[in-house]
Amino acid sequence: MSVSGHYRAEAMPGSDEMVDKPDQALLAAIVMSPHGPYFFKLLGPKATVDAQAAVFRATLQSLQLAR
């Protein structure tokens, strides 16, 4: 999954203060295994995520899940 745009989040966990970061991107994947799902995400400035997208995908492809 891939999305981009504004990223809104709490400034600190439990805080009422929100931060709004424009031009952000998220790549996410759920990899199923015999031991349950594994969740991966890459979140940050769009230019950084775009530059690392191929490495992120290659890492996912290289996973060897034990049975």
PDB file of N, CA and C in Angstrom:
ATOM      1  N   MET A   1       0.843  -1.162   0.000  1.00  0.00           N
ATOM      2  CA  MET A   1       0.000   0.000   0.000  1.00  0.00           C
ATOM      3  C   MET A   1       0.890   1.226   0.000  1.00  0.00           C
ATOM      4  N   SER A   2       0.453   2.239  -0.695  1.00  0.00           N
ATOM      5  CA  SER A   2       1.204   3.482  -0.779  1.00  0.00           C
ATOM      6  C   SER A   2       0.232   4.655  -0.736  1.00  0.00           C
ATOM      7  N   VAL A   3       0.495   5.612   0.135  1.00  0.00           N
ATOM      8  CA  VAL A   3      -0.311   6.834   0.210  1.00  0.00           C
ATOM      9  C   VAL A   3       0.621   8.019   0.420  1.00  0.00           C
ATOM     10  N   SER A   4       0.147   9.208   0.024  1.00  0.00           N
ATOM     11  CA  SER A   4       0.939  10.415   0.262  1.00  0.00           C
ATOM     12  C   SER A   4       0.004  11.582   0.530  1.00  0.00           C
ATOM     13  N   GLY A   5       0.565  12.612   1.165  1.00  0.00           N
ATOM     14  CA  GLY A   5      -0.205  13.809   1.499  1.00  0.00           C
ATOM     15  C   GLY A   5       0.218  14.349   2.846  1.00  0.00           C
ATOM     16  N   HIS A   6      -0.746  14.902   3.586  1.00  0.00           N
ATOM     17  CA  HIS A   6      -0.475  15.448   4.924  1.00  0.00           C
ATOM     18  C   HIS A   6      -0.457  14.316   5.946  1.00  0.00           C
ATOM     19  N   TYR A   7       0.431  14.425   6.907  1.00  0.00           N
ATOM     20  CA  TYR A   7       0.481  13.474   8.013  1.00  0.00           C
ATOM     21  C   TYR A   7       0.149  14.244   9.279  1.00  0.00           C
ATOM     22  N   ARG A   8      -0.959  13.887   9.903  1.00  0.00           N
ATOM     23  CA  ARG A   8      -1.366  14.527  11.159  1.00  0.00           C
ATOM     24  C   ARG A   8      -1.237  13.511  12.277  1.00  0.00           C
ATOM     25  N   ALA A   9      -0.602  13.938  13.362  1.00  0.00           N
ATOM     26  CA  ALA A   9      -0.410  13.036  14.501  1.00  0.00           C
ATOM     27  C   ALA A   9      -0.242  13.850  15.770  1.00  0.00           C
ATOM     28  N   GLU A  10      -0.368  13.165  16.898  1.00  0.00           N
ATOM     29  CA  GLU A  10      -0.107  13.816  18.174  1.00  0.00           C
ATOM     30  C   GLU A  10       1.370  14.210  18.237  1.00  0.00           C
ATOM     31  N   ALA A  11       1.634  15.395  18.797  1.00  0.00           N
ATOM     32  CA  ALA A  11       3.021  15.833  18.946  1.00  0.00           C
ATOM     33  C   ALA A  11       3.784  14.863  19.847  1.00  0.00           C
ATOM     34  N   MET A  12       3.123  14.391  20.909  1.00  0.00           N
ATOM     35  CA  MET A  12       3.661  13.373  21.809  1.00  0.00           C
ATOM     36  C   MET A  12       2.492  12.461  22.178  1.00  0.00           C
ATOM     37  N   PRO A  13       2.740  11.186  22.427  1.00  0.00           N
ATOM     38  CA  PRO A  13       1.636  10.301  22.810  1.00  0.00           C
ATOM     39  C   PRO A  13       0.852  10.866  24.000  1.00  0.00           C
ATOM     40  N   GLY A  14      -0.470  10.910  23.875  1.00  0.00           N
ATOM     41  CA  GLY A  14      -1.333  11.427  24.920  1.00  0.00           C
ATOM     42  C   GLY A  14      -1.515  12.923  24.903  1.00  0.00           C
ATOM     43  N   SER A  15      -0.843  13.604  23.984  1.00  0.00           N
ATOM     44  CA  SER A  15      -0.903  15.063  23.901  1.00  0.00           C
ATOM     45  C   SER A  15      -2.124  15.513  23.109  1.00  0.00           C
ATOM     46  N   ASP A  16      -2.654  16.675  23.467  1.00  0.00           N
ATOM     47  CA  ASP A  16      -3.731  17.280  22.679  1.00  0.00           C
ATOM     48  C   ASP A  16      -3.177  18.068  21.498  1.00  0.00           C
ATOM     49  N   GLU A  17      -1.881  18.346  21.523  1.00  0.00           N
ATOM     50  CA  GLU A  17      -1.249  19.113  20.451  1.00  0.00           C
ATOM     51  C   GLU A  17      -1.022  18.209  19.238  1.00  0.00           C
ATOM     52  N   MET A  18      -1.419  18.706  18.071  1.00  0.00           N
ATOM     53  CA  MET A  18      -1.258  17.936  16.835  1.00  0.00           C
ATOM     54  C   MET A  18      -0.199  18.586  15.955  1.00  0.00           C
ATOM     55  N   VAL A  19       0.523  17.765  15.210  1.00  0.00           N
ATOM     56  CA  VAL A  19       1.446  18.267  14.197  1.00  0.00           C
ATOM     57  C   VAL A  19       0.866  17.918  12.836  1.00  0.00           C
ATOM     58  N   ASP A  20       1.064  18.783  11.884  1.00  0.00           N
ATOM     59  CA  ASP A  20       0.583  18.572  10.516  1.00  0.00           C
ATOM     60  C   ASP A  20       1.782  18.707   9.596  1.00  0.00           C
ATOM     61  N   LYS A  21       2.224  17.600   9.044  1.00  0.00           N
ATOM     62  CA  LYS A  21       3.392  17.597   8.174  1.00  0.00           C
ATOM     63  C   LYS A  21       2.936  17.412   6.734  1.00  0.00           C
ATOM     64  N   PRO A  22       3.131  18.409   5.888  1.00  0.00           N
ATOM     65  CA  PRO A  22       2.758  18.266   4.479  1.00  0.00           C
ATOM     66  C   PRO A  22       3.797  17.444   3.714  1.00  0.00           C
ATOM     67  N   ASP A  23       3.402  16.961   2.545  1.00  0.00           N
ATOM     68  CA  ASP A  23       4.299  16.268   1.618  1.00  0.00           C
ATOM     69  C   ASP A  23       4.969  15.047   2.251  1.00  0.00           C
ATOM     70  N   GLN A  24       4.160  14.206   2.888  1.00  0.00           N
ATOM     71  CA  GLN A  24       4.642  12.973   3.506  1.00  0.00           C
ATOM     72  C   GLN A  24       4.170  11.776   2.683  1.00  0.00           C
ATOM     73  N   ALA A  25       4.808  10.641   2.882  1.00  0.00           N
ATOM     74  CA  ALA A  25       4.404   9.422   2.179  1.00  0.00           C
ATOM     75  C   ALA A  25       4.520   8.233   3.120  1.00  0.00           C
ATOM     76  N   LEU A  26       3.733   7.200   2.814  1.00  0.00           N
ATOM     77  CA  LEU A  26       3.732   5.969   3.585  1.00  0.00           C
ATOM     78  C   LEU A  26       3.720   4.791   2.630  1.00  0.00           C
ATOM     79  N   LEU A  27       4.639   3.867   2.837  1.00  0.00           N
ATOM     80  CA  LEU A  27       4.605   2.557   2.182  1.00  0.00           C
ATOM     81  C   LEU A  27       4.364   1.547   3.291  1.00  0.00           C
ATOM     82  N   ALA A  28       3.435   0.646   3.098  1.00  0.00           N
ATOM     83  CA  ALA A  28       3.126  -0.329   4.132  1.00  0.00           C
ATOM     84  C   ALA A  28       2.877  -1.691   3.511  1.00  0.00           C
ATOM     85  N   ALA A  29       3.165  -2.723   4.302  1.00  0.00           N
ATOM     86  CA  ALA A  29       2.940  -4.090   3.841  1.00  0.00           C
ATOM     87  C   ALA A  29       2.610  -4.978   5.030  1.00  0.00           C
ATOM     88  N   ILE A  30       1.778  -5.959   4.783  1.00  0.00           N
ATOM     89  CA  ILE A  30       1.491  -7.004   5.762  1.00  0.00           C
ATOM     90  C   ILE A  30       1.962  -8.312   5.136  1.00  0.00           C
ATOM     91  N   VAL A  31       2.868  -8.979   5.803  1.00  0.00           N
ATOM     92  CA  VAL A  31       3.412 -10.240   5.309  1.00  0.00           C
ATOM     93  C   VAL A  31       2.888 -11.355   6.207  1.00  0.00           C
ATOM     94  N   MET A  32       2.172 -12.275   5.610  1.00  0.00           N
ATOM     95  CA  MET A  32       1.628 -13.409   6.360  1.00  0.00           C
ATOM     96  C   MET A  32       2.705 -14.480   6.505  1.00  0.00           C
ATOM     97  N   SER A  33       2.725 -15.106   7.676  1.00  0.00           N
ATOM     98  CA  SER A  33       3.673 -16.195   7.931  1.00  0.00           C
ATOM     99  C   SER A  33       2.951 -17.278   8.727  1.00  0.00           C
ATOM    100  N   PRO A  34       3.568 -18.430   8.867  1.00  0.00           N
ATOM    101  CA  PRO A  34       2.965 -19.480   9.679  1.00  0.00           C
ATOM    102  C   PRO A  34       2.796 -19.070  11.154  1.00  0.00           C
ATOM    103  N   HIS A  35       3.529 -18.054  11.580  1.00  0.00           N
ATOM    104  CA  HIS A  35       3.483 -17.601  12.973  1.00  0.00           C
ATOM    105  C   HIS A  35       2.642 -16.342  13.143  1.00  0.00           C
ATOM    106  N   GLY A  36       1.929 -15.949  12.106  1.00  0.00           N
ATOM    107  CA  GLY A  36       1.092 -14.750  12.176  1.00  0.00           C
ATOM    108  C   GLY A  36       1.594 -13.668  11.245  1.00  0.00           C
ATOM    109  N   PRO A  37       0.885 -12.572  11.188  1.00  0.00           N
ATOM    110  CA  PRO A  37       1.275 -11.503  10.274  1.00  0.00           C
ATOM    111  C   PRO A  37       2.404 -10.641  10.842  1.00  0.00           C
ATOM    112  N   TYR A  38       3.214 -10.120   9.929  1.00  0.00           N
ATOM    113  CA  TYR A  38       4.238  -9.129  10.250  1.00  0.00           C
ATOM    114  C   TYR A  38       3.853  -7.838   9.526  1.00  0.00           C
ATOM    115  N   PHE A  39       3.995  -6.718  10.216  1.00  0.00           N
ATOM    116  CA  PHE A  39       3.599  -5.425   9.676  1.00  0.00           C
ATOM    117  C   PHE A  39       4.845  -4.567   9.449  1.00  0.00           C
ATOM    118  N   PHE A  40       4.972  -4.007   8.259  1.00  0.00           N
ATOM    119  CA  PHE A  40       6.109  -3.160   7.901  1.00  0.00           C
ATOM    120  C   PHE A  40       5.585  -1.825   7.401  1.00  0.00           C
ATOM    121  N   LYS A  41       6.272  -0.734   7.783  1.00  0.00           N
ATOM    122  CA  LYS A  41       5.898   0.561   7.224  1.00  0.00           C
ATOM    123  C   LYS A  41       7.127   1.442   7.100  1.00  0.00           C
ATOM    124  N   LEU A  42       7.091   2.287   6.092  1.00  0.00           N
ATOM    125  CA  LEU A  42       8.106   3.300   5.847  1.00  0.00           C
ATOM    126  C   LEU A  42       7.361   4.616   5.743  1.00  0.00           C
ATOM    127  N   LEU A  43       7.611   5.535   6.661  1.00  0.00           N
ATOM    128  CA  LEU A  43       6.885   6.796   6.743  1.00  0.00           C
ATOM    129  C   LEU A  43       7.883   7.931   6.843  1.00  0.00           C
ATOM    130  N   GLY A  44       7.662   8.985   6.064  1.00  0.00           N
ATOM    131  CA  GLY A  44       8.543  10.143   6.130  1.00  0.00           C
ATOM    132  C   GLY A  44       8.281  11.101   4.998  1.00  0.00           C
ATOM    133  N   PRO A  45       9.187  12.069   4.810  1.00  0.00           N
ATOM    134  CA  PRO A  45       9.038  12.999   3.693  1.00  0.00           C
ATOM    135  C   PRO A  45       8.942  12.233   2.371  1.00  0.00           C
ATOM    136  N   LYS A  46       8.080  12.678   1.485  1.00  0.00           N
ATOM    137  CA  LYS A  46       7.820  11.966   0.227  1.00  0.00           C
ATOM    138  C   LYS A  46       9.102  11.704  -0.558  1.00  0.00           C
ATOM    139  N   ALA A  47       9.982  12.689  -0.626  1.00  0.00           N
ATOM    140  CA  ALA A  47      11.224  12.509  -1.388  1.00  0.00           C
ATOM    141  C   ALA A  47      12.082  11.396  -0.794  1.00  0.00           C
ATOM    142  N   THR A  48      12.132  11.299   0.524  1.00  0.00           N
ATOM    143  CA  THR A  48      12.915  10.262   1.189  1.00  0.00           C
ATOM    144  C   THR A  48      12.289   8.890   0.970  1.00  0.00           C
ATOM    145  N   VAL A  49      10.974   8.795   1.145  1.00  0.00           N
ATOM    146  CA  VAL A  49      10.277   7.521   0.948  1.00  0.00           C
ATOM    147  C   VAL A  49      10.415   7.071  -0.507  1.00  0.00           C
ATOM    148  N   ASP A  50      10.240   7.988  -1.440  1.00  0.00           N
ATOM    149  CA  ASP A  50      10.393   7.644  -2.857  1.00  0.00           C
ATOM    150  C   ASP A  50      11.800   7.126  -3.152  1.00  0.00           C
ATOM    151  N   ALA A  51      12.811   7.759  -2.540  1.00  0.00           N
ATOM    152  CA  ALA A  51      14.195   7.356  -2.782  1.00  0.00           C
ATOM    153  C   ALA A  51      14.494   5.972  -2.208  1.00  0.00           C
ATOM    154  N   GLN A  52      13.773   5.557  -1.166  1.00  0.00           N
ATOM    155  CA  GLN A  52      14.029   4.278  -0.512  1.00  0.00           C
ATOM    156  C   GLN A  52      12.998   3.198  -0.854  1.00  0.00           C
ATOM    157  N   ALA A  53      12.032   3.498  -1.703  1.00  0.00           N
ATOM    158  CA  ALA A  53      10.956   2.558  -2.017  1.00  0.00           C
ATOM    159  C   ALA A  53      11.480   1.243  -2.602  1.00  0.00           C
ATOM    160  N   ALA A  54      12.427   1.312  -3.495  1.00  0.00           N
ATOM    161  CA  ALA A  54      12.954   0.087  -4.105  1.00  0.00           C
ATOM    162  C   ALA A  54      13.656  -0.784  -3.068  1.00  0.00           C
ATOM    163  N   VAL A  55      14.379  -0.175  -2.141  1.00  0.00           N
ATOM    164  CA  VAL A  55      15.055  -0.928  -1.081  1.00  0.00           C
ATOM    165  C   VAL A  55      14.020  -1.563  -0.155  1.00  0.00           C
ATOM    166  N   PHE A  56      12.969  -0.819   0.182  1.00  0.00           N
ATOM    167  CA  PHE A  56      11.893  -1.335   1.030  1.00  0.00           C
ATOM    168  C   PHE A  56      11.260  -2.570   0.377  1.00  0.00           C
ATOM    169  N   ARG A  57      10.924  -2.463  -0.903  1.00  0.00           N
ATOM    170  CA  ARG A  57      10.299  -3.584  -1.608  1.00  0.00           C
ATOM    171  C   ARG A  57      11.261  -4.770  -1.747  1.00  0.00           C
ATOM    172  N   ALA A  58      12.530  -4.488  -2.012  1.00  0.00           N
ATOM    173  CA  ALA A  58      13.517  -5.566  -2.129  1.00  0.00           C
ATOM    174  C   ALA A  58      13.678  -6.293  -0.795  1.00  0.00           C
ATOM    175  N   THR A  59      13.643  -5.555   0.288  1.00  0.00           N
ATOM    176  CA  THR A  59      13.730  -6.167   1.609  1.00  0.00           C
ATOM    177  C   THR A  59      12.554  -7.109   1.838  1.00  0.00           C
ATOM    178  N   LEU A  60      11.359  -6.661   1.481  1.00  0.00           N
ATOM    179  CA  LEU A  60      10.180  -7.518   1.629  1.00  0.00           C
ATOM    180  C   LEU A  60      10.312  -8.775   0.774  1.00  0.00           C
ATOM    181  N   GLN A  61      10.810  -8.628  -0.437  1.00  0.00           N
ATOM    182  CA  GLN A  61      10.962  -9.773  -1.334  1.00  0.00           C
ATOM    183  C   GLN A  61      12.015 -10.761  -0.821  1.00  0.00           C
ATOM    184  N   SER A  62      12.979 -10.276  -0.049  1.00  0.00           N
ATOM    185  CA  SER A  62      14.058 -11.137   0.415  1.00  0.00           C
ATOM    186  C   SER A  62      13.720 -11.925   1.677  1.00  0.00           C
ATOM    187  N   LEU A  63      12.568 -11.658   2.277  1.00  0.00           N
ATOM    188  CA  LEU A  63      12.198 -12.357   3.499  1.00  0.00           C
ATOM    189  C   LEU A  63      12.061 -13.853   3.273  1.00  0.00           C
ATOM    190  N   GLN A  64      12.603 -14.606   4.203  1.00  0.00           N
ATOM    191  CA  GLN A  64      12.474 -16.057   4.175  1.00  0.00           C
ATOM    192  C   GLN A  64      11.774 -16.454   5.462  1.00  0.00           C
ATOM    193  N   LEU A  65      10.543 -16.891   5.337  1.00  0.00           N
ATOM    194  CA  LEU A  65       9.737 -17.199   6.504  1.00  0.00           C
ATOM    195  C   LEU A  65       9.902 -18.659   6.890  1.00  0.00           C
ATOM    196  N   ALA A  66      10.283 -18.882   8.153  1.00  0.00           N
ATOM    197  CA  ALA A  66      10.455 -20.250   8.659  1.00  0.00           C
ATOM    198  C   ALA A  66       9.094 -20.892   8.858  1.00  0.00           C
ATOM    199  N   ARG A  67       9.020 -22.160   8.639  1.00  0.00           N
ATOM    200  CA  ARG A  67       7.765 -22.896   8.823  1.00  0.00           C
ATOM    201  C   ARG A  67       7.709 -23.534  10.176  1.00  0.00           C
TER     202      ARG A  67
END
